[in-house]
Amino acid sequence: MPATIRLCVVSALALAAGLGLPAMAQEATTEAPAEATTTTSAAQALTAETVVATVGDQSITLGHMIALRDALPPEYLTLDDKTLYDGILNQLVQQSALAQTLTGKTTLRQDLTIQNETRGFLSGAALQAVAETAVTDAAIQAAYDERVKAMGTQTEYHAAHIIVDSEEKAAALKTEIDGGKDFGEVAKANSTDGAAANGGDLGWFGLGMMVKPFEDAVVAMKPGEVKGPLQTEFGWHLVKLIETRTAEAPKIDDLREELAGEIEKKAVDAHIEAVMAGVTVTKPGEAFDPAALKDTTILGQ
């Protein structure tokens, strides 16, 4: 979900959370119309414009209620229909009554904040529509095929190592191994990292998963070969390549979320670029002192 939409939804959720579940479950106020509980035939005629309450000269519609429900966190949706209906209706009635107390009394800061939130919500809604349209099964499959093709055939390596704190010690251990001592037993007795308990076995890894000097050594080795001493930022190593294999391509389901994110970002970026190319923008404010942002007196405070 685009950040601007998240901000607007969070604002709605914060208000709902402020009332709390008990408040959402309280009895309907006397202002709630009798139409809140309808017969089946009446319910079939309901529309987004159907008035569910009036507060002063302002109307609250069923559409308002549905929109608020869509913004609620999941825990509210576990309530039974009647409790949730009454709670949402009460919340909107209270909001309307409170909002009307500020009619003609809002500050400049409040007016500007309303404008910012409206702008942010609408821009987020525009981007969400683009993102949802772009992410399809076909688009994900195409992105997956392209990713696998770009990966090509890759090799994975199964290796073990011994790591110590000096070149001299590593060289001495190498001599012992060359003389017939088992690599794993030497690792258990001398290696200083957590893999020592497993005879230095590092398991399977692909390119880019190990530090460069270590990786370069392994790539140039044959199975069964031991190399070293080799220095990395972690110490001095002896390396044994155990075996290699051709890496399997990742499954599409393992990459689905990542690919969807990439598709969404590309679509959103392209849409923003297209929209911006179609409007004329001037920025006289770029010449202003950035410190003006901290001058609250501009808002009359």
C-alpha atoms as a PDB file:
ATOM      1  CA  MET A   1       0.000   0.000   0.000  1.00  0.00           C
ATOM      2  CA  PRO A   2       1.467   3.428  -0.898  1.00  0.00           C
ATOM      3  CA  ALA A   3       2.696   5.482   2.045  1.00  0.00           C
ATOM      4  CA  THR A   4       0.177   8.261   1.536  1.00  0.00           C
ATOM      5  CA  ILE A   5      -2.746   5.858   1.796  1.00  0.00           C
ATOM      6  CA  ARG A   6      -1.197   4.231   4.858  1.00  0.00           C
ATOM      7  CA  LEU A   7      -1.009   7.624   6.562  1.00  0.00           C
ATOM      8  CA  CYS A   8      -4.664   8.320   5.942  1.00  0.00           C
ATOM      9  CA  VAL A   9      -5.759   4.874   7.071  1.00  0.00           C
ATOM     10  CA  VAL A  10      -3.611   5.131  10.186  1.00  0.00           C
ATOM     11  CA  SER A  11      -5.314   8.432  10.970  1.00  0.00           C
ATOM     12  CA  ALA A  12      -8.717   6.736  10.815  1.00  0.00           C
ATOM     13  CA  LEU A  13      -7.509   3.773  12.838  1.00  0.00           C
ATOM     14  CA  ALA A  14      -6.018   6.009  15.502  1.00  0.00           C
ATOM     15  CA  LEU A  15      -9.410   7.590  16.089  1.00  0.00           C
ATOM     16  CA  ALA A  16     -11.108   4.194  16.225  1.00  0.00           C
ATOM     17  CA  ALA A  17      -8.489   2.877  18.628  1.00  0.00           C
ATOM     18  CA  GLY A  18      -8.978   5.952  20.775  1.00  0.00           C
ATOM     19  CA  LEU A  19     -12.615   5.003  21.309  1.00  0.00           C
ATOM     20  CA  GLY A  20     -11.612   1.391  22.084  1.00  0.00           C
ATOM     21  CA  LEU A  21     -13.598  -1.772  21.599  1.00  0.00           C
ATOM     22  CA  PRO A  22     -15.918  -1.086  24.535  1.00  0.00           C
ATOM     23  CA  ALA A  23     -16.851   2.284  23.045  1.00  0.00           C
ATOM     24  CA  MET A  24     -17.495   0.684  19.681  1.00  0.00           C
ATOM     25  CA  ALA A  25     -19.843  -1.770  21.402  1.00  0.00           C
ATOM     26  CA  GLN A  26     -21.907   0.768  23.341  1.00  0.00           C
ATOM     27  CA  GLU A  27     -25.650   1.179  22.730  1.00  0.00           C
ATOM     28  CA  ALA A  28     -26.737   3.352  19.824  1.00  0.00           C
ATOM     29  CA  THR A  29     -27.459   6.985  20.704  1.00  0.00           C
ATOM     30  CA  THR A  30     -30.942   8.448  20.505  1.00  0.00           C
ATOM     31  CA  GLU A  31     -29.949  10.167  17.257  1.00  0.00           C
ATOM     32  CA  ALA A  32     -29.603   6.807  15.479  1.00  0.00           C
ATOM     33  CA  PRO A  33     -32.545   6.410  13.086  1.00  0.00           C
ATOM     34  CA  ALA A  34     -34.928   3.502  13.173  1.00  0.00           C
ATOM     35  CA  GLU A  35     -33.701   2.576   9.672  1.00  0.00           C
ATOM     36  CA  ALA A  36     -30.451   1.261  11.218  1.00  0.00           C
ATOM     37  CA  THR A  37     -32.259  -2.086  11.560  1.00  0.00           C
ATOM     38  CA  THR A  38     -34.043  -2.876   8.318  1.00  0.00           C
ATOM     39  CA  THR A  39     -36.139  -5.619   6.869  1.00  0.00           C
ATOM     40  CA  THR A  40     -34.724  -7.699   4.046  1.00  0.00           C
ATOM     41  CA  SER A  41     -36.819  -5.868   1.457  1.00  0.00           C
ATOM     42  CA  ALA A  42     -35.726  -2.452   2.716  1.00  0.00           C
ATOM     43  CA  ALA A  43     -32.083  -3.498   2.817  1.00  0.00           C
ATOM     44  CA  GLN A  44     -32.221  -4.330  -0.886  1.00  0.00           C
ATOM     45  CA  ALA A  45     -32.986  -0.687  -1.658  1.00  0.00           C
ATOM     46  CA  LEU A  46     -30.107   0.767   0.351  1.00  0.00           C
ATOM     47  CA  THR A  47     -27.505   2.890  -1.441  1.00  0.00           C
ATOM     48  CA  ALA A  48     -24.389   4.780  -0.475  1.00  0.00           C
ATOM     49  CA  GLU A  49     -26.545   7.918  -0.187  1.00  0.00           C
ATOM     50  CA  THR A  50     -29.033   6.372   2.233  1.00  0.00           C
ATOM     51  CA  VAL A  51     -29.102   8.571   5.357  1.00  0.00           C
ATOM     52  CA  VAL A  52     -28.491   6.682   8.584  1.00  0.00           C
ATOM     53  CA  ALA A  53     -28.352   9.701  10.910  1.00  0.00           C
ATOM     54  CA  THR A  54     -28.555  13.461  10.958  1.00  0.00           C
ATOM     55  CA  VAL A  55     -26.524  15.608  13.319  1.00  0.00           C
ATOM     56  CA  GLY A  56     -27.745  19.174  13.218  1.00  0.00           C
ATOM     57  CA  ASP A  57     -27.959  20.013   9.537  1.00  0.00           C
ATOM     58  CA  GLN A  58     -25.422  17.346   8.480  1.00  0.00           C
ATOM     59  CA  SER A  59     -26.275  13.876   7.186  1.00  0.00           C
ATOM     60  CA  ILE A  60     -24.383  10.657   7.755  1.00  0.00           C
ATOM     61  CA  THR A  61     -24.891   8.047   5.077  1.00  0.00           C
ATOM     62  CA  LEU A  62     -24.513   4.305   4.806  1.00  0.00           C
ATOM     63  CA  GLY A  63     -21.624   4.999   2.450  1.00  0.00           C
ATOM     64  CA  HIS A  64     -19.816   6.848   5.237  1.00  0.00           C
ATOM     65  CA  MET A  65     -20.267   3.849   7.499  1.00  0.00           C
ATOM     66  CA  ILE A  66     -19.008   1.344   4.939  1.00  0.00           C
ATOM     67  CA  ALA A  67     -15.947   3.476   4.177  1.00  0.00           C
ATOM     68  CA  LEU A  68     -15.094   3.669   7.879  1.00  0.00           C
ATOM     69  CA  ARG A  69     -15.555  -0.078   8.331  1.00  0.00           C
ATOM     70  CA  ASP A  70     -13.104  -0.718   5.483  1.00  0.00           C
ATOM     71  CA  ALA A  71     -10.461   1.272   7.381  1.00  0.00           C
ATOM     72  CA  LEU A  72     -10.844  -0.560  10.696  1.00  0.00           C
ATOM     73  CA  PRO A  73      -8.174  -2.964  12.008  1.00  0.00           C
ATOM     74  CA  PRO A  74      -8.990  -6.696  11.829  1.00  0.00           C
ATOM     75  CA  GLU A  75      -9.852  -7.054  15.512  1.00  0.00           C
ATOM     76  CA  TYR A  76     -12.928  -4.845  15.072  1.00  0.00           C
ATOM     77  CA  LEU A  77     -14.191  -7.044  12.251  1.00  0.00           C
ATOM     78  CA  THR A  78     -14.570  -9.973  14.649  1.00  0.00           C
ATOM     79  CA  LEU A  79     -17.474  -8.191  16.349  1.00  0.00           C
ATOM     80  CA  ASP A  80     -21.004  -9.272  15.481  1.00  0.00           C
ATOM     81  CA  ASP A  81     -22.779  -7.200  12.837  1.00  0.00           C
ATOM     82  CA  LYS A  82     -25.099  -5.349  15.235  1.00  0.00           C
ATOM     83  CA  THR A  83     -22.325  -4.354  17.635  1.00  0.00           C
ATOM     84  CA  LEU A  84     -20.081  -3.150  14.814  1.00  0.00           C
ATOM     85  CA  TYR A  85     -22.921  -1.307  13.082  1.00  0.00           C
ATOM     86  CA  ASP A  86     -23.929   0.538  16.256  1.00  0.00           C
ATOM     87  CA  GLY A  87     -20.321   1.311  17.135  1.00  0.00           C
ATOM     88  CA  ILE A  88     -19.518   2.790  13.719  1.00  0.00           C
ATOM     89  CA  LEU A  89     -22.744   4.788  13.695  1.00  0.00           C
ATOM     90  CA  ASN A  90     -22.043   6.181  17.166  1.00  0.00           C
ATOM     91  CA  GLN A  91     -18.490   7.085  16.185  1.00  0.00           C
ATOM     92  CA  LEU A  92     -19.588   8.999  13.085  1.00  0.00           C
ATOM     93  CA  VAL A  93     -22.325  10.799  15.023  1.00  0.00           C
ATOM     94  CA  GLN A  94     -19.852  11.853  17.694  1.00  0.00           C
ATOM     95  CA  GLN A  95     -17.307  12.941  15.089  1.00  0.00           C
ATOM     96  CA  SER A  96     -19.899  15.022  13.276  1.00  0.00           C
ATOM     97  CA  ALA A  97     -21.061  16.699  16.482  1.00  0.00           C
ATOM     98  CA  LEU A  98     -17.496  17.472  17.551  1.00  0.00           C
ATOM     99  CA  ALA A  99     -16.482  18.698  14.098  1.00  0.00           C
ATOM    100  CA  GLN A 100     -19.418  21.098  14.002  1.00  0.00           C
ATOM    101  CA  THR A 101     -18.205  22.782  17.180  1.00  0.00           C
ATOM    102  CA  LEU A 102     -15.268  24.056  15.097  1.00  0.00           C
ATOM    103  CA  THR A 103     -17.354  25.391  12.205  1.00  0.00           C
ATOM    104  CA  GLY A 104     -15.870  28.756  11.330  1.00  0.00           C
ATOM    105  CA  LYS A 105     -13.328  28.394  14.160  1.00  0.00           C
ATOM    106  CA  THR A 106     -10.557  26.268  12.632  1.00  0.00           C
ATOM    107  CA  THR A 107      -7.061  27.660  12.739  1.00  0.00           C
ATOM    108  CA  LEU A 108      -4.889  28.210   9.694  1.00  0.00           C
ATOM    109  CA  ARG A 109      -2.762  25.246  10.756  1.00  0.00           C
ATOM    110  CA  GLN A 110      -5.849  23.015  10.942  1.00  0.00           C
ATOM    111  CA  ASP A 111      -7.113  24.164   7.539  1.00  0.00           C
ATOM    112  CA  LEU A 112      -3.723  23.496   5.944  1.00  0.00           C
ATOM    113  CA  THR A 113      -3.485  20.092   7.629  1.00  0.00           C
ATOM    114  CA  ILE A 114      -6.887  19.132   6.206  1.00  0.00           C
ATOM    115  CA  GLN A 115      -5.686  20.171   2.748  1.00  0.00           C
ATOM    116  CA  ASN A 116      -2.462  18.178   3.142  1.00  0.00           C
ATOM    117  CA  GLU A 117      -4.309  15.067   4.289  1.00  0.00           C
ATOM    118  CA  THR A 118      -6.810  15.316   1.452  1.00  0.00           C
ATOM    119  CA  ARG A 119      -4.015  15.763  -1.083  1.00  0.00           C
ATOM    120  CA  GLY A 120      -2.081  12.864   0.402  1.00  0.00           C
ATOM    121  CA  PHE A 121      -5.088  10.552   0.436  1.00  0.00           C
ATOM    122  CA  LEU A 122      -6.058  11.287  -3.164  1.00  0.00           C
ATOM    123  CA  SER A 123      -2.515  10.902  -4.471  1.00  0.00           C
ATOM    124  CA  GLY A 124      -2.181   7.636  -2.579  1.00  0.00           C
ATOM    125  CA  ALA A 125      -5.481   6.381  -3.984  1.00  0.00           C
ATOM    126  CA  ALA A 126      -4.301   7.208  -7.512  1.00  0.00           C
ATOM    127  CA  LEU A 127      -1.086   5.246  -6.987  1.00  0.00           C
ATOM    128  CA  GLN A 128      -2.853   2.307  -5.359  1.00  0.00           C
ATOM    129  CA  ALA A 129      -5.065   1.928  -8.408  1.00  0.00           C
ATOM    130  CA  VAL A 130      -1.981   1.847 -10.635  1.00  0.00           C
ATOM    131  CA  ALA A 131      -0.212  -0.675  -8.419  1.00  0.00           C
ATOM    132  CA  GLU A 132      -3.194  -3.025  -8.176  1.00  0.00           C
ATOM    133  CA  THR A 133      -3.644  -2.993 -11.948  1.00  0.00           C
ATOM    134  CA  ALA A 134       0.034  -3.684 -12.596  1.00  0.00           C
ATOM    135  CA  VAL A 135       0.467  -6.697 -10.313  1.00  0.00           C
ATOM    136  CA  THR A 136      -1.132  -9.619 -12.139  1.00  0.00           C
ATOM    137  CA  ASP A 137      -0.287 -13.308 -12.327  1.00  0.00           C
ATOM    138  CA  ALA A 138       0.891 -12.796 -15.899  1.00  0.00           C
ATOM    139  CA  ALA A 139       3.158  -9.911 -14.891  1.00  0.00           C
ATOM    140  CA  ILE A 140       4.629 -11.915 -12.026  1.00  0.00           C
ATOM    141  CA  GLN A 141       5.255 -14.908 -14.314  1.00  0.00           C
ATOM    142  CA  ALA A 142       6.986 -12.688 -16.874  1.00  0.00           C
ATOM    143  CA  ALA A 143       9.149 -11.083 -14.201  1.00  0.00           C
ATOM    144  CA  TYR A 144      10.008 -14.512 -12.804  1.00  0.00           C
ATOM    145  CA  ASP A 145      11.021 -15.860 -16.223  1.00  0.00           C
ATOM    146  CA  GLU A 146      13.212 -12.816 -16.785  1.00  0.00           C
ATOM    147  CA  ARG A 147      14.827 -13.210 -13.359  1.00  0.00           C
ATOM    148  CA  VAL A 148      15.599 -16.900 -13.901  1.00  0.00           C
ATOM    149  CA  LYS A 149      16.986 -16.215 -17.361  1.00  0.00           C
ATOM    150  CA  ALA A 150      19.243 -13.472 -16.014  1.00  0.00           C
ATOM    151  CA  MET A 151      20.501 -15.778 -13.271  1.00  0.00           C
ATOM    152  CA  GLY A 152      21.690 -18.363 -15.791  1.00  0.00           C
ATOM    153  CA  THR A 153      23.316 -21.565 -14.595  1.00  0.00           C
ATOM    154  CA  GLN A 154      24.875 -21.072 -11.185  1.00  0.00           C
ATOM    155  CA  THR A 155      27.071 -23.291  -9.055  1.00  0.00           C
ATOM    156  CA  GLU A 156      26.710 -23.881  -5.340  1.00  0.00           C
ATOM    157  CA  TYR A 157      29.609 -24.935  -3.153  1.00  0.00           C
ATOM    158  CA  HIS A 158      29.847 -27.194  -0.116  1.00  0.00           C
ATOM    159  CA  ALA A 159      32.989 -26.365   1.842  1.00  0.00           C
ATOM    160  CA  ALA A 160      34.580 -26.548   5.273  1.00  0.00           C
ATOM    161  CA  HIS A 161      37.165 -24.331   6.886  1.00  0.00           C
ATOM    162  CA  ILE A 162      39.481 -23.944   9.823  1.00  0.00           C
ATOM    163  CA  ILE A 163      39.978 -20.420  11.148  1.00  0.00           C
ATOM    164  CA  VAL A 164      42.763 -19.369  13.535  1.00  0.00           C
ATOM    165  CA  ASP A 165      44.379 -16.113  14.598  1.00  0.00           C
ATOM    166  CA  SER A 166      47.767 -16.346  12.831  1.00  0.00           C
ATOM    167  CA  GLU A 167      49.274 -17.369   9.534  1.00  0.00           C
ATOM    168  CA  GLU A 168      51.892 -19.459  11.325  1.00  0.00           C
ATOM    169  CA  LYS A 169      49.298 -21.564  13.144  1.00  0.00           C
ATOM    170  CA  ALA A 170      47.278 -22.031   9.962  1.00  0.00           C
ATOM    171  CA  ALA A 171      50.412 -23.141   8.089  1.00  0.00           C
ATOM    172  CA  ALA A 172      51.273 -25.648  10.807  1.00  0.00           C
ATOM    173  CA  LEU A 173      47.774 -27.143  10.695  1.00  0.00           C
ATOM    174  CA  LYS A 174      47.962 -27.326   6.895  1.00  0.00           C
ATOM    175  CA  THR A 175      51.140 -29.371   7.244  1.00  0.00           C
ATOM    176  CA  GLU A 176      49.360 -31.778   9.585  1.00  0.00           C
ATOM    177  CA  ILE A 177      46.454 -32.187   7.126  1.00  0.00           C
ATOM    178  CA  ASP A 178      48.833 -32.685   4.188  1.00  0.00           C
ATOM    179  CA  GLY A 179      50.516 -35.341   6.289  1.00  0.00           C
ATOM    180  CA  GLY A 180      47.297 -37.334   6.580  1.00  0.00           C
ATOM    181  CA  LYS A 181      45.341 -35.873   9.515  1.00  0.00           C
ATOM    182  CA  ASP A 182      41.570 -35.623   8.995  1.00  0.00           C
ATOM    183  CA  PHE A 183      40.460 -32.059   8.157  1.00  0.00           C
ATOM    184  CA  GLY A 184      37.334 -32.318  10.278  1.00  0.00           C
ATOM    185  CA  GLU A 185      39.190 -33.540  13.357  1.00  0.00           C
ATOM    186  CA  VAL A 186      41.775 -30.765  13.026  1.00  0.00           C
ATOM    187  CA  ALA A 187      38.936 -28.241  12.707  1.00  0.00           C
ATOM    188  CA  LYS A 188      37.201 -29.536  15.850  1.00  0.00           C
ATOM    189  CA  ALA A 189      40.437 -29.275  17.825  1.00  0.00           C
ATOM    190  CA  ASN A 190      41.678 -25.923  16.559  1.00  0.00           C
ATOM    191  CA  SER A 191      39.122 -23.782  14.695  1.00  0.00           C
ATOM    192  CA  THR A 192      37.827 -20.768  16.600  1.00  0.00           C
ATOM    193  CA  ASP A 193      34.378 -20.279  15.077  1.00  0.00           C
ATOM    194  CA  GLY A 194      31.019 -21.938  15.591  1.00  0.00           C
ATOM    195  CA  ALA A 195      31.477 -24.349  12.679  1.00  0.00           C
ATOM    196  CA  ALA A 196      34.295 -26.112  14.536  1.00  0.00           C
ATOM    197  CA  ALA A 197      31.860 -28.470  16.265  1.00  0.00           C
ATOM    198  CA  ASN A 198      30.788 -29.758  12.843  1.00  0.00           C
ATOM    199  CA  GLY A 199      34.344 -30.238  11.639  1.00  0.00           C
ATOM    200  CA  GLY A 200      34.370 -26.793  10.060  1.00  0.00           C
ATOM    201  CA  ASP A 201      31.489 -27.670   7.713  1.00  0.00           C
ATOM    202  CA  LEU A 202      29.915 -24.498   6.292  1.00  0.00           C
ATOM    203  CA  GLY A 203      27.162 -26.240   4.353  1.00  0.00           C
ATOM    204  CA  TRP A 204      26.072 -25.158   0.887  1.00  0.00           C
ATOM    205  CA  PHE A 205      26.453 -21.574  -0.321  1.00  0.00           C
ATOM    206  CA  GLY A 206      26.332 -19.633  -3.555  1.00  0.00           C
ATOM    207  CA  LEU A 207      28.404 -16.822  -4.948  1.00  0.00           C
ATOM    208  CA  GLY A 208      28.146 -13.596  -2.988  1.00  0.00           C
ATOM    209  CA  MET A 209      27.481 -15.323   0.330  1.00  0.00           C
ATOM    210  CA  MET A 210      31.106 -15.452   1.483  1.00  0.00           C
ATOM    211  CA  VAL A 211      33.781 -12.760   1.730  1.00  0.00           C
ATOM    212  CA  LYS A 212      35.640 -12.243  -1.538  1.00  0.00           C
ATOM    213  CA  PRO A 213      39.046 -13.840  -0.728  1.00  0.00           C
ATOM    214  CA  PHE A 214      37.281 -16.940   0.606  1.00  0.00           C
ATOM    215  CA  GLU A 215      34.933 -17.126  -2.374  1.00  0.00           C
ATOM    216  CA  ASP A 216      37.748 -16.661  -4.907  1.00  0.00           C
ATOM    217  CA  ALA A 217      39.693 -19.530  -3.336  1.00  0.00           C
ATOM    218  CA  VAL A 218      36.710 -21.902  -3.326  1.00  0.00           C
ATOM    219  CA  VAL A 219      35.771 -21.167  -6.957  1.00  0.00           C
ATOM    220  CA  ALA A 220      39.295 -22.082  -8.103  1.00  0.00           C
ATOM    221  CA  MET A 221      39.407 -25.368  -6.156  1.00  0.00           C
ATOM    222  CA  LYS A 222      38.530 -28.964  -7.022  1.00  0.00           C
ATOM    223  CA  PRO A 223      36.473 -31.200  -4.700  1.00  0.00           C
ATOM    224  CA  GLY A 224      38.679 -32.692  -1.978  1.00  0.00           C
ATOM    225  CA  GLU A 225      41.339 -30.000  -2.328  1.00  0.00           C
ATOM    226  CA  VAL A 226      42.594 -28.031   0.697  1.00  0.00           C
ATOM    227  CA  LYS A 227      43.995 -24.497   0.367  1.00  0.00           C
ATOM    228  CA  GLY A 228      45.526 -21.989   2.750  1.00  0.00           C
ATOM    229  CA  PRO A 229      46.604 -20.172   4.755  1.00  0.00           C
ATOM    230  CA  LEU A 230      44.154 -17.575   3.464  1.00  0.00           C
ATOM    231  CA  GLN A 231      43.548 -14.256   5.209  1.00  0.00           C
ATOM    232  CA  THR A 232      40.180 -12.520   5.519  1.00  0.00           C
ATOM    233  CA  GLU A 233      38.878  -9.895   7.902  1.00  0.00           C
ATOM    234  CA  PHE A 234      37.950 -12.734  10.270  1.00  0.00           C
ATOM    235  CA  GLY A 235      41.346 -14.377  10.553  1.00  0.00           C
ATOM    236  CA  TRP A 236      43.471 -17.015   8.812  1.00  0.00           C
ATOM    237  CA  HIS A 237      41.688 -19.885   7.057  1.00  0.00           C
ATOM    238  CA  LEU A 238      42.316 -23.308   5.703  1.00  0.00           C
ATOM    239  CA  VAL A 239      39.622 -24.174   3.176  1.00  0.00           C
ATOM    240  CA  LYS A 240      38.439 -27.556   1.942  1.00  0.00           C
ATOM    241  CA  LEU A 241      36.049 -27.849  -0.969  1.00  0.00           C
ATOM    242  CA  ILE A 242      33.855 -30.898  -0.355  1.00  0.00           C
ATOM    243  CA  GLU A 243      31.601 -30.885  -3.453  1.00  0.00           C
ATOM    244  CA  THR A 244      29.759 -28.671  -5.932  1.00  0.00           C
ATOM    245  CA  ARG A 245      26.348 -28.769  -7.587  1.00  0.00           C
ATOM    246  CA  THR A 246      24.267 -26.830 -10.063  1.00  0.00           C
ATOM    247  CA  ALA A 247      21.951 -24.499  -8.189  1.00  0.00           C
ATOM    248  CA  GLU A 248      18.221 -24.973  -8.692  1.00  0.00           C
ATOM    249  CA  ALA A 249      16.230 -21.955  -9.789  1.00  0.00           C
ATOM    250  CA  PRO A 250      14.134 -20.506  -6.963  1.00  0.00           C
ATOM    251  CA  LYS A 251      10.439 -21.362  -7.096  1.00  0.00           C
ATOM    252  CA  ILE A 252       8.089 -18.652  -8.268  1.00  0.00           C
ATOM    253  CA  ASP A 253       6.149 -18.725  -4.990  1.00  0.00           C
ATOM    254  CA  ASP A 254       9.367 -17.983  -3.087  1.00  0.00           C
ATOM    255  CA  LEU A 255       9.877 -14.843  -5.190  1.00  0.00           C
ATOM    256  CA  ARG A 256       6.245 -13.813  -5.648  1.00  0.00           C
ATOM    257  CA  GLU A 257       6.198 -11.088  -2.981  1.00  0.00           C
ATOM    258  CA  GLU A 258       9.544  -9.660  -4.067  1.00  0.00           C
ATOM    259  CA  LEU A 259       8.568  -9.658  -7.738  1.00  0.00           C
ATOM    260  CA  ALA A 260       5.196  -8.063  -6.956  1.00  0.00           C
ATOM    261  CA  GLY A 261       7.000  -5.290  -5.103  1.00  0.00           C
ATOM    262  CA  GLU A 262       9.304  -4.660  -8.054  1.00  0.00           C
ATOM    263  CA  ILE A 263       6.412  -4.640 -10.526  1.00  0.00           C
ATOM    264  CA  GLU A 264       4.439  -2.272  -8.327  1.00  0.00           C
ATOM    265  CA  LYS A 265       7.386   0.098  -7.934  1.00  0.00           C
ATOM    266  CA  LYS A 266       8.081   0.205 -11.676  1.00  0.00           C
ATOM    267  CA  ALA A 267       4.424   0.875 -12.460  1.00  0.00           C
ATOM    268  CA  VAL A 268       4.122   3.577  -9.811  1.00  0.00           C
ATOM    269  CA  ASP A 269       7.386   5.261 -10.861  1.00  0.00           C
ATOM    270  CA  ALA A 270       6.325   5.231 -14.513  1.00  0.00           C
ATOM    271  CA  HIS A 271       2.893   6.645 -13.654  1.00  0.00           C
ATOM    272  CA  ILE A 272       4.376   9.448 -11.562  1.00  0.00           C
ATOM    273  CA  GLU A 273       6.800  10.279 -14.363  1.00  0.00           C
ATOM    274  CA  ALA A 274       3.977  10.359 -16.927  1.00  0.00           C
ATOM    275  CA  VAL A 275       1.751  12.524 -14.732  1.00  0.00           C
ATOM    276  CA  MET A 276       4.562  14.952 -13.956  1.00  0.00           C
ATOM    277  CA  ALA A 277       5.411  15.218 -17.651  1.00  0.00           C
ATOM    278  CA  GLY A 278       1.855  16.393 -18.307  1.00  0.00           C
ATOM    279  CA  VAL A 279       1.777  19.277 -15.843  1.00  0.00           C
ATOM    280  CA  THR A 280       3.574  22.587 -15.646  1.00  0.00           C
ATOM    281  CA  VAL A 281       5.476  22.982 -12.383  1.00  0.00           C
ATOM    282  CA  THR A 282       7.229  26.050 -11.066  1.00  0.00           C
ATOM    283  CA  LYS A 283       9.071  26.142  -7.754  1.00  0.00           C
ATOM    284  CA  PRO A 284       9.742  29.693  -6.632  1.00  0.00           C
ATOM    285  CA  GLY A 285      10.089  28.269  -3.126  1.00  0.00           C
ATOM    286  CA  GLU A 286      13.416  26.658  -4.058  1.00  0.00           C
ATOM    287  CA  ALA A 287      14.997  30.078  -3.606  1.00  0.00           C
ATOM    288  CA  PHE A 288      13.689  30.429  -0.042  1.00  0.00           C
ATOM    289  CA  ASP A 289      15.703  29.858   3.101  1.00  0.00           C
ATOM    290  CA  PRO A 290      14.988  26.243   4.189  1.00  0.00           C
ATOM    291  CA  ALA A 291      14.965  27.451   7.797  1.00  0.00           C
ATOM    292  CA  ALA A 292      11.544  28.970   7.046  1.00  0.00           C
ATOM    293  CA  LEU A 293      10.063  25.535   7.802  1.00  0.00           C
ATOM    294  CA  LYS A 294      10.830  26.100  11.471  1.00  0.00           C
ATOM    295  CA  ASP A 295       9.147  29.521  11.662  1.00  0.00           C
ATOM    296  CA  THR A 296       5.805  28.712  13.299  1.00  0.00           C
ATOM    297  CA  THR A 297       4.924  32.419  13.443  1.00  0.00           C
ATOM    298  CA  ILE A 298       4.067  32.127   9.740  1.00  0.00           C
ATOM    299  CA  LEU A 299       0.982  30.176  10.813  1.00  0.00           C
ATOM    300  CA  GLY A 300       0.119  32.802  13.366  1.00  0.00           C
ATOM    301  CA  GLN A 301       1.587  30.837  16.314  1.00  0.00           C
END
